[in-house]
Amino acid sequence: MAVQPEELEQLPPVGHVRVVYLGPVSPHWEVQGVFGDRQLIDEFRERAMARLQLLPPHDPQFRRNRERVVRDAERENLILEWDLGHDEEEA
């Protein structure tokens, strides 16, 4: 029996992940697990880093890959927080 998307929204998050921009020198990103199952967080970290590894936030590919990371977090029922080093509303 599959879980319907409406039911997924009602389930509590299984973890919290923070994606931090480290600056212009590679590696640009760090994916930090705040809480949740360690294996789940590690697997998410691997997928997110594969998408973000060489991309600074001003790269046009970053926006597309960021959306992929966001969708991945939604599928895994993770809280996803981005720290780009500035307020995104200002950028």
PDB file of N, CA and C in Angstrom:
ATOM      1  N   MET A   1       0.850  -1.178   0.000  1.00  0.00           N
ATOM      2  CA  MET A   1       0.000   0.000   0.000  1.00  0.00           C
ATOM      3  C   MET A   1       0.895   1.240   0.000  1.00  0.00           C
ATOM      4  N   ALA A   2       0.798   2.044  -1.015  1.00  0.00           N
ATOM      5  CA  ALA A   2       1.635   3.238  -1.165  1.00  0.00           C
ATOM      6  C   ALA A   2       1.069   4.391  -0.347  1.00  0.00           C
ATOM      7  N   VAL A   3       1.968   5.258   0.082  1.00  0.00           N
ATOM      8  CA  VAL A   3       1.567   6.453   0.815  1.00  0.00           C
ATOM      9  C   VAL A   3       1.269   7.545  -0.201  1.00  0.00           C
ATOM     10  N   GLN A   4       0.090   8.145  -0.084  1.00  0.00           N
ATOM     11  CA  GLN A   4      -0.329   9.201  -1.003  1.00  0.00           C
ATOM     12  C   GLN A   4       0.397  10.507  -0.669  1.00  0.00           C
ATOM     13  N   PRO A   5       0.627  11.385  -1.675  1.00  0.00           N
ATOM     14  CA  PRO A   5       1.311  12.654  -1.422  1.00  0.00           C
ATOM     15  C   PRO A   5       0.647  13.491  -0.328  1.00  0.00           C
ATOM     16  N   GLU A   6      -0.693  13.453  -0.244  1.00  0.00           N
ATOM     17  CA  GLU A   6      -1.395  14.218   0.790  1.00  0.00           C
ATOM     18  C   GLU A   6      -1.024  13.709   2.190  1.00  0.00           C
ATOM     19  N   GLU A   7      -0.843  12.386   2.301  1.00  0.00           N
ATOM     20  CA  GLU A   7      -0.484  11.794   3.586  1.00  0.00           C
ATOM     21  C   GLU A   7       0.956  12.130   3.960  1.00  0.00           C
ATOM     22  N   LEU A   8       1.841  12.234   2.955  1.00  0.00           N
ATOM     23  CA  LEU A   8       3.238  12.559   3.227  1.00  0.00           C
ATOM     24  C   LEU A   8       3.368  13.921   3.886  1.00  0.00           C
ATOM     25  N   GLU A   9       2.537  14.879   3.450  1.00  0.00           N
ATOM     26  CA  GLU A   9       2.607  16.223   4.015  1.00  0.00           C
ATOM     27  C   GLU A   9       2.242  16.232   5.492  1.00  0.00           C
ATOM     28  N   GLN A  10       1.472  15.253   5.946  1.00  0.00           N
ATOM     29  CA  GLN A  10       1.030  15.206   7.328  1.00  0.00           C
ATOM     30  C   GLN A  10       2.035  14.505   8.242  1.00  0.00           C
ATOM     31  N   LEU A  11       2.961  13.735   7.667  1.00  0.00           N
ATOM     32  CA  LEU A  11       3.937  13.019   8.471  1.00  0.00           C
ATOM     33  C   LEU A  11       4.986  13.990   9.004  1.00  0.00           C
ATOM     34  N   PRO A  12       5.450  13.786  10.227  1.00  0.00           N
ATOM     35  CA  PRO A  12       6.505  14.658  10.742  1.00  0.00           C
ATOM     36  C   PRO A  12       7.803  14.416   9.969  1.00  0.00           C
ATOM     37  N   PRO A  13       8.654  15.426   9.843  1.00  0.00           N
ATOM     38  CA  PRO A  13       9.920  15.237   9.123  1.00  0.00           C
ATOM     39  C   PRO A  13      10.783  14.182   9.820  1.00  0.00           C
ATOM     40  N   VAL A  14      11.528  13.433   9.026  1.00  0.00           N
ATOM     41  CA  VAL A  14      12.382  12.385   9.567  1.00  0.00           C
ATOM     42  C   VAL A  14      13.805  12.888   9.811  1.00  0.00           C
ATOM     43  N   GLY A  15      14.088  14.108   9.405  1.00  0.00           N
ATOM     44  CA  GLY A  15      15.418  14.667   9.613  1.00  0.00           C
ATOM     45  C   GLY A  15      15.482  16.112   9.184  1.00  0.00           C
ATOM     46  N   HIS A  16      16.616  16.735   9.483  1.00  0.00           N
ATOM     47  CA  HIS A  16      16.847  18.141   9.155  1.00  0.00           C
ATOM     48  C   HIS A  16      18.272  18.246   8.632  1.00  0.00           C
ATOM     49  N   VAL A  17      18.415  18.869   7.466  1.00  0.00           N
ATOM     50  CA  VAL A  17      19.714  19.003   6.818  1.00  0.00           C
ATOM     51  C   VAL A  17      19.952  20.474   6.497  1.00  0.00           C
ATOM     52  N   ARG A  18      21.177  20.924   6.731  1.00  0.00           N
ATOM     53  CA  ARG A  18      21.581  22.295   6.407  1.00  0.00           C
ATOM     54  C   ARG A  18      22.658  22.229   5.328  1.00  0.00           C
ATOM     55  N   VAL A  19      22.446  22.962   4.226  1.00  0.00           N
ATOM     56  CA  VAL A  19      23.423  23.044   3.146  1.00  0.00           C
ATOM     57  C   VAL A  19      24.089  24.408   3.270  1.00  0.00           C
ATOM     58  N   VAL A  20      25.418  24.403   3.485  1.00  0.00           N
ATOM     59  CA  VAL A  20      26.163  25.628   3.764  1.00  0.00           C
ATOM     60  C   VAL A  20      27.146  25.910   2.636  1.00  0.00           C
ATOM     61  N   TYR A  21      27.105  27.144   2.127  1.00  0.00           N
ATOM     62  CA  TYR A  21      28.077  27.589   1.128  1.00  0.00           C
ATOM     63  C   TYR A  21      29.349  27.992   1.866  1.00  0.00           C
ATOM     64  N   LEU A  22      30.478  27.367   1.505  1.00  0.00           N
ATOM     65  CA  LEU A  22      31.749  27.597   2.191  1.00  0.00           C
ATOM     66  C   LEU A  22      32.589  28.708   1.565  1.00  0.00           C
ATOM     67  N   GLY A  23      32.247  29.127   0.366  1.00  0.00           N
ATOM     68  CA  GLY A  23      32.990  30.191  -0.289  1.00  0.00           C
ATOM     69  C   GLY A  23      33.454  29.799  -1.679  1.00  0.00           C
ATOM     70  N   PRO A  24      34.212  30.699  -2.309  1.00  0.00           N
ATOM     71  CA  PRO A  24      34.576  30.504  -3.710  1.00  0.00           C
ATOM     72  C   PRO A  24      35.619  29.422  -3.966  1.00  0.00           C
ATOM     73  N   VAL A  25      36.281  28.938  -2.934  1.00  0.00           N
ATOM     74  CA  VAL A  25      37.298  27.908  -3.126  1.00  0.00           C
ATOM     75  C   VAL A  25      36.662  26.534  -2.913  1.00  0.00           C
ATOM     76  N   SER A  26      36.932  25.618  -3.835  1.00  0.00           N
ATOM     77  CA  SER A  26      36.368  24.278  -3.754  1.00  0.00           C
ATOM     78  C   SER A  26      36.933  23.522  -2.561  1.00  0.00           C
ATOM     79  N   PRO A  27      36.167  22.733  -1.800  1.00  0.00           N
ATOM     80  CA  PRO A  27      34.759  22.447  -2.058  1.00  0.00           C
ATOM     81  C   PRO A  27      33.885  23.620  -1.649  1.00  0.00           C
ATOM     82  N   HIS A  28      32.883  23.900  -2.442  1.00  0.00           N
ATOM     83  CA  HIS A  28      32.023  25.057  -2.194  1.00  0.00           C
ATOM     84  C   HIS A  28      30.970  24.791  -1.129  1.00  0.00           C
ATOM     85  N   TRP A  29      30.663  23.516  -0.868  1.00  0.00           N
ATOM     86  CA  TRP A  29      29.486  23.173  -0.067  1.00  0.00           C
ATOM     87  C   TRP A  29      29.816  22.188   1.046  1.00  0.00           C
ATOM     88  N   GLU A  30      29.000  22.285   2.092  1.00  0.00           N
ATOM     89  CA  GLU A  30      29.013  21.299   3.164  1.00  0.00           C
ATOM     90  C   GLU A  30      27.562  20.984   3.488  1.00  0.00           C
ATOM     91  N   VAL A  31      27.252  19.708   3.602  1.00  0.00           N
ATOM     92  CA  VAL A  31      25.891  19.278   3.941  1.00  0.00           C
ATOM     93  C   VAL A  31      25.956  18.733   5.361  1.00  0.00           C
ATOM     94  N   GLN A  32      25.257  19.420   6.276  1.00  0.00           N
ATOM     95  CA  GLN A  32      25.297  19.074   7.701  1.00  0.00           C
ATOM     96  C   GLN A  32      23.970  18.474   8.127  1.00  0.00           C
ATOM     97  N   GLY A  33      24.032  17.351   8.807  1.00  0.00           N
ATOM     98  CA  GLY A  33      22.831  16.755   9.380  1.00  0.00           C
ATOM     99  C   GLY A  33      22.568  17.363  10.743  1.00  0.00           C
ATOM    100  N   VAL A  34      21.381  17.906  10.950  1.00  0.00           N
ATOM    101  CA  VAL A  34      21.013  18.496  12.236  1.00  0.00           C
ATOM    102  C   VAL A  34      20.404  17.420  13.126  1.00  0.00           C
ATOM    103  N   PHE A  35      19.437  16.673  12.589  1.00  0.00           N
ATOM    104  CA  PHE A  35      18.904  15.515  13.293  1.00  0.00           C
ATOM    105  C   PHE A  35      18.347  14.540  12.268  1.00  0.00           C
ATOM    106  N   GLY A  36      18.163  13.312  12.693  1.00  0.00           N
ATOM    107  CA  GLY A  36      17.604  12.285  11.825  1.00  0.00           C
ATOM    108  C   GLY A  36      18.512  11.070  11.753  1.00  0.00           C
ATOM    109  N   ASP A  37      18.047  10.066  11.042  1.00  0.00           N
ATOM    110  CA  ASP A  37      18.770   8.823  10.864  1.00  0.00           C
ATOM    111  C   ASP A  37      20.081   9.095  10.131  1.00  0.00           C
ATOM    112  N   ARG A  38      21.172   8.660  10.710  1.00  0.00           N
ATOM    113  CA  ARG A  38      22.500   8.953  10.157  1.00  0.00           C
ATOM    114  C   ARG A  38      22.673   8.404   8.743  1.00  0.00           C
ATOM    115  N   GLN A  39      22.210   7.189   8.503  1.00  0.00           N
ATOM    116  CA  GLN A  39      22.353   6.587   7.177  1.00  0.00           C
ATOM    117  C   GLN A  39      21.549   7.376   6.146  1.00  0.00           C
ATOM    118  N   LEU A  40      20.332   7.766   6.479  1.00  0.00           N
ATOM    119  CA  LEU A  40      19.497   8.557   5.580  1.00  0.00           C
ATOM    120  C   LEU A  40      20.174   9.889   5.256  1.00  0.00           C
ATOM    121  N   ILE A  41      20.707  10.555   6.280  1.00  0.00           N
ATOM    122  CA  ILE A  41      21.385  11.844   6.089  1.00  0.00           C
ATOM    123  C   ILE A  41      22.628  11.655   5.223  1.00  0.00           C
ATOM    124  N   ASP A  42      23.412  10.603   5.484  1.00  0.00           N
ATOM    125  CA  ASP A  42      24.627  10.346   4.695  1.00  0.00           C
ATOM    126  C   ASP A  42      24.303  10.091   3.229  1.00  0.00           C
ATOM    127  N   GLU A  43      23.254   9.321   2.964  1.00  0.00           N
ATOM    128  CA  GLU A  43      22.860   9.049   1.584  1.00  0.00           C
ATOM    129  C   GLU A  43      22.386  10.326   0.892  1.00  0.00           C
ATOM    130  N   PHE A  44      21.616  11.150   1.619  1.00  0.00           N
ATOM    131  CA  PHE A  44      21.167  12.426   1.055  1.00  0.00           C
ATOM    132  C   PHE A  44      22.376  13.321   0.773  1.00  0.00           C
ATOM    133  N   ARG A  45      23.328  13.358   1.716  1.00  0.00           N
ATOM    134  CA  ARG A  45      24.538  14.172   1.558  1.00  0.00           C
ATOM    135  C   ARG A  45      25.286  13.790   0.278  1.00  0.00           C
ATOM    136  N   GLU A  46      25.434  12.494   0.033  1.00  0.00           N
ATOM    137  CA  GLU A  46      26.133  12.030  -1.173  1.00  0.00           C
ATOM    138  C   GLU A  46      25.437  12.520  -2.437  1.00  0.00           C
ATOM    139  N   ARG A  47      24.112  12.403  -2.481  1.00  0.00           N
ATOM    140  CA  ARG A  47      23.370  12.843  -3.664  1.00  0.00           C
ATOM    141  C   ARG A  47      23.445  14.354  -3.834  1.00  0.00           C
ATOM    142  N   ALA A  48      23.299  15.091  -2.737  1.00  0.00           N
ATOM    143  CA  ALA A  48      23.353  16.553  -2.815  1.00  0.00           C
ATOM    144  C   ALA A  48      24.735  17.026  -3.245  1.00  0.00           C
ATOM    145  N   MET A  49      25.774  16.433  -2.688  1.00  0.00           N
ATOM    146  CA  MET A  49      27.137  16.843  -3.051  1.00  0.00           C
ATOM    147  C   MET A  49      27.441  16.515  -4.513  1.00  0.00           C
ATOM    148  N   ALA A  50      26.895  15.432  -5.029  1.00  0.00           N
ATOM    149  CA  ALA A  50      27.098  15.101  -6.438  1.00  0.00           C
ATOM    150  C   ALA A  50      26.495  16.179  -7.333  1.00  0.00           C
ATOM    151  N   ARG A  51      25.431  16.815  -6.870  1.00  0.00           N
ATOM    152  CA  ARG A  51      24.786  17.864  -7.670  1.00  0.00           C
ATOM    153  C   ARG A  51      25.418  19.236  -7.469  1.00  0.00           C
ATOM    154  N   LEU A  52      26.034  19.471  -6.316  1.00  0.00           N
ATOM    155  CA  LEU A  52      26.516  20.817  -5.988  1.00  0.00           C
ATOM    156  C   LEU A  52      28.033  20.966  -5.992  1.00  0.00           C
ATOM    157  N   GLN A  53      28.762  19.884  -6.010  1.00  0.00           N
ATOM    158  CA  GLN A  53      30.208  19.849  -5.758  1.00  0.00           C
ATOM    159  C   GLN A  53      30.995  21.015  -6.363  1.00  0.00           C
ATOM    160  N   LEU A  54      30.894  21.244  -7.641  1.00  0.00           N
ATOM    161  CA  LEU A  54      31.734  22.236  -8.302  1.00  0.00           C
ATOM    162  C   LEU A  54      30.979  23.504  -8.683  1.00  0.00           C
ATOM    163  N   LEU A  55      29.799  23.700  -8.123  1.00  0.00           N
ATOM    164  CA  LEU A  55      28.965  24.837  -8.512  1.00  0.00           C
ATOM    165  C   LEU A  55      28.912  25.915  -7.439  1.00  0.00           C
ATOM    166  N   PRO A  56      29.425  27.095  -7.712  1.00  0.00           N
ATOM    167  CA  PRO A  56      29.170  28.221  -6.802  1.00  0.00           C
ATOM    168  C   PRO A  56      27.734  28.714  -7.018  1.00  0.00           C
ATOM    169  N   PRO A  57      27.163  29.427  -6.055  1.00  0.00           N
ATOM    170  CA  PRO A  57      25.751  29.814  -6.169  1.00  0.00           C
ATOM    171  C   PRO A  57      25.448  30.762  -7.326  1.00  0.00           C
ATOM    172  N   HIS A  58      26.430  31.432  -7.882  1.00  0.00           N
ATOM    173  CA  HIS A  58      26.159  32.346  -8.998  1.00  0.00           C
ATOM    174  C   HIS A  58      26.199  31.632 -10.356  1.00  0.00           C
ATOM    175  N   ASP A  59      26.537  30.342 -10.379  1.00  0.00           N
ATOM    176  CA  ASP A  59      26.564  29.567 -11.620  1.00  0.00           C
ATOM    177  C   ASP A  59      25.129  29.273 -12.063  1.00  0.00           C
ATOM    178  N   PRO A  60      24.800  29.463 -13.351  1.00  0.00           N
ATOM    179  CA  PRO A  60      23.431  29.206 -13.819  1.00  0.00           C
ATOM    180  C   PRO A  60      22.951  27.766 -13.547  1.00  0.00           C
ATOM    181  N   GLN A  61      23.857  26.806 -13.553  1.00  0.00           N
ATOM    182  CA  GLN A  61      23.476  25.412 -13.296  1.00  0.00           C
ATOM    183  C   GLN A  61      23.061  25.210 -11.834  1.00  0.00           C
ATOM    184  N   PHE A  62      23.527  26.077 -10.944  1.00  0.00           N
ATOM    185  CA  PHE A  62      23.217  25.937  -9.519  1.00  0.00           C
ATOM    186  C   PHE A  62      21.712  25.955  -9.271  1.00  0.00           C
ATOM    187  N   ARG A  63      20.999  26.873  -9.921  1.00  0.00           N
ATOM    188  CA  ARG A  63      19.552  26.995  -9.685  1.00  0.00           C
ATOM    189  C   ARG A  63      18.834  25.690 -10.032  1.00  0.00           C
ATOM    190  N   ARG A  64      19.183  25.090 -11.170  1.00  0.00           N
ATOM    191  CA  ARG A  64      18.544  23.832 -11.572  1.00  0.00           C
ATOM    192  C   ARG A  64      18.891  22.715 -10.587  1.00  0.00           C
ATOM    193  N   ASN A  65      20.162  22.626 -10.221  1.00  0.00           N
ATOM    194  CA  ASN A  65      20.574  21.559  -9.310  1.00  0.00           C
ATOM    195  C   ASN A  65      20.019  21.776  -7.905  1.00  0.00           C
ATOM    196  N   ARG A  66      19.884  23.031  -7.499  1.00  0.00           N
ATOM    197  CA  ARG A  66      19.290  23.314  -6.192  1.00  0.00           C
ATOM    198  C   ARG A  66      17.858  22.794  -6.149  1.00  0.00           C
ATOM    199  N   GLU A  67      17.106  22.999  -7.212  1.00  0.00           N
ATOM    200  CA  GLU A  67      15.729  22.497  -7.262  1.00  0.00           C
ATOM    201  C   GLU A  67      15.699  20.978  -7.174  1.00  0.00           C
ATOM    202  N   ARG A  68      16.664  20.320  -7.769  1.00  0.00           N
ATOM    203  CA  ARG A  68      16.738  18.852  -7.672  1.00  0.00           C
ATOM    204  C   ARG A  68      17.006  18.412  -6.233  1.00  0.00           C
ATOM    205  N   VAL A  69      17.880  19.133  -5.546  1.00  0.00           N
ATOM    206  CA  VAL A  69      18.180  18.824  -4.141  1.00  0.00           C
ATOM    207  C   VAL A  69      16.929  19.050  -3.289  1.00  0.00           C
ATOM    208  N   VAL A  70      16.200  20.127  -3.567  1.00  0.00           N
ATOM    209  CA  VAL A  70      14.971  20.425  -2.824  1.00  0.00           C
ATOM    210  C   VAL A  70      13.944  19.308  -3.019  1.00  0.00           C
ATOM    211  N   ARG A  71      13.758  18.874  -4.253  1.00  0.00           N
ATOM    212  CA  ARG A  71      12.800  17.787  -4.519  1.00  0.00           C
ATOM    213  C   ARG A  71      13.230  16.490  -3.832  1.00  0.00           C
ATOM    214  N   ASP A  72      14.529  16.218  -3.841  1.00  0.00           N
ATOM    215  CA  ASP A  72      15.052  15.028  -3.172  1.00  0.00           C
ATOM    216  C   ASP A  72      14.729  15.086  -1.679  1.00  0.00           C
ATOM    217  N   ALA A  73      14.945  16.237  -1.055  1.00  0.00           N
ATOM    218  CA  ALA A  73      14.646  16.398   0.374  1.00  0.00           C
ATOM    219  C   ALA A  73      13.153  16.207   0.635  1.00  0.00           C
ATOM    220  N   GLU A  74      12.316  16.724  -0.255  1.00  0.00           N
ATOM    221  CA  GLU A  74      10.866  16.545  -0.090  1.00  0.00           C
ATOM    222  C   GLU A  74      10.484  15.072  -0.166  1.00  0.00           C
ATOM    223  N   ARG A  75      11.075  14.347  -1.111  1.00  0.00           N
ATOM    224  CA  ARG A  75      10.779  12.906  -1.235  1.00  0.00           C
ATOM    225  C   ARG A  75      11.197  12.143   0.020  1.00  0.00           C
ATOM    226  N   GLU A  76      12.314  12.545   0.617  1.00  0.00           N
ATOM    227  CA  GLU A  76      12.823  11.867   1.814  1.00  0.00           C
ATOM    228  C   GLU A  76      12.167  12.383   3.093  1.00  0.00           C
ATOM    229  N   ASN A  77      11.300  13.411   2.975  1.00  0.00           N
ATOM    230  CA  ASN A  77      10.627  14.036   4.112  1.00  0.00           C
ATOM    231  C   ASN A  77      11.636  14.660   5.078  1.00  0.00           C
ATOM    232  N   LEU A  78      12.599  15.390   4.509  1.00  0.00           N
ATOM    233  CA  LEU A  78      13.616  16.087   5.285  1.00  0.00           C
ATOM    234  C   LEU A  78      13.343  17.585   5.299  1.00  0.00           C
ATOM    235  N   ILE A  79      13.640  18.229   6.413  1.00  0.00           N
ATOM    236  CA  ILE A  79      13.657  19.681   6.460  1.00  0.00           C
ATOM    237  C   ILE A  79      14.973  20.104   5.820  1.00  0.00           C
ATOM    238  N   LEU A  80      14.919  21.024   4.874  1.00  0.00           N
ATOM    239  CA  LEU A  80      16.114  21.461   4.166  1.00  0.00           C
ATOM    240  C   LEU A  80      16.311  22.942   4.393  1.00  0.00           C
ATOM    241  N   GLU A  81      17.490  23.311   4.863  1.00  0.00           N
ATOM    242  CA  GLU A  81      17.831  24.696   5.147  1.00  0.00           C
ATOM    243  C   GLU A  81      19.066  25.063   4.325  1.00  0.00           C
ATOM    244  N   TRP A  82      19.049  26.223   3.701  1.00  0.00           N
ATOM    245  CA  TRP A  82      20.177  26.700   2.895  1.00  0.00           C
ATOM    246  C   TRP A  82      20.839  27.869   3.602  1.00  0.00           C
ATOM    247  N   ASP A  83      22.158  27.846   3.688  1.00  0.00           N
ATOM    248  CA  ASP A  83      22.936  28.969   4.212  1.00  0.00           C
ATOM    249  C   ASP A  83      23.922  29.376   3.122  1.00  0.00           C
ATOM    250  N   LEU A  84      23.540  30.406   2.356  1.00  0.00           N
ATOM    251  CA  LEU A  84      24.375  30.867   1.257  1.00  0.00           C
ATOM    252  C   LEU A  84      25.300  32.005   1.666  1.00  0.00           C
ATOM    253  N   GLY A  85      25.292  32.347   2.946  1.00  0.00           N
ATOM    254  CA  GLY A  85      26.190  33.382   3.438  1.00  0.00           C
ATOM    255  C   GLY A  85      25.613  34.786   3.312  1.00  0.00           C
ATOM    256  N   HIS A  86      24.375  34.900   2.858  1.00  0.00           N
ATOM    257  CA  HIS A  86      23.704  36.193   2.741  1.00  0.00           C
ATOM    258  C   HIS A  86      22.199  35.950   2.734  1.00  0.00           C
ATOM    259  N   ASP A  87      21.442  37.013   2.949  1.00  0.00           N
ATOM    260  CA  ASP A  87      19.993  36.889   2.867  1.00  0.00           C
ATOM    261  C   ASP A  87      19.604  36.773   1.402  1.00  0.00           C
ATOM    262  N   GLU A  88      18.838  35.751   1.071  1.00  0.00           N
ATOM    263  CA  GLU A  88      18.476  35.521  -0.327  1.00  0.00           C
ATOM    264  C   GLU A  88      17.576  36.621  -0.877  1.00  0.00           C
ATOM    265  N   GLU A  89      16.817  37.303  -0.029  1.00  0.00           N
ATOM    266  CA  GLU A  89      15.951  38.371  -0.504  1.00  0.00           C
ATOM    267  C   GLU A  89      16.779  39.535  -1.040  1.00  0.00           C
ATOM    268  N   GLU A  90      17.981  39.750  -0.487  1.00  0.00           N
ATOM    269  CA  GLU A  90      18.842  40.836  -0.916  1.00  0.00           C
ATOM    270  C   GLU A  90      19.503  40.556  -2.254  1.00  0.00           C
ATOM    271  N   ALA A  91      19.694  39.268  -2.560  1.00  0.00           N
ATOM    272  CA  ALA A  91      20.437  38.891  -3.773  1.00  0.00           C
ATOM    273  C   ALA A  91      19.615  39.040  -5.018  1.00  0.00           C
TER     274      ALA A  91
END
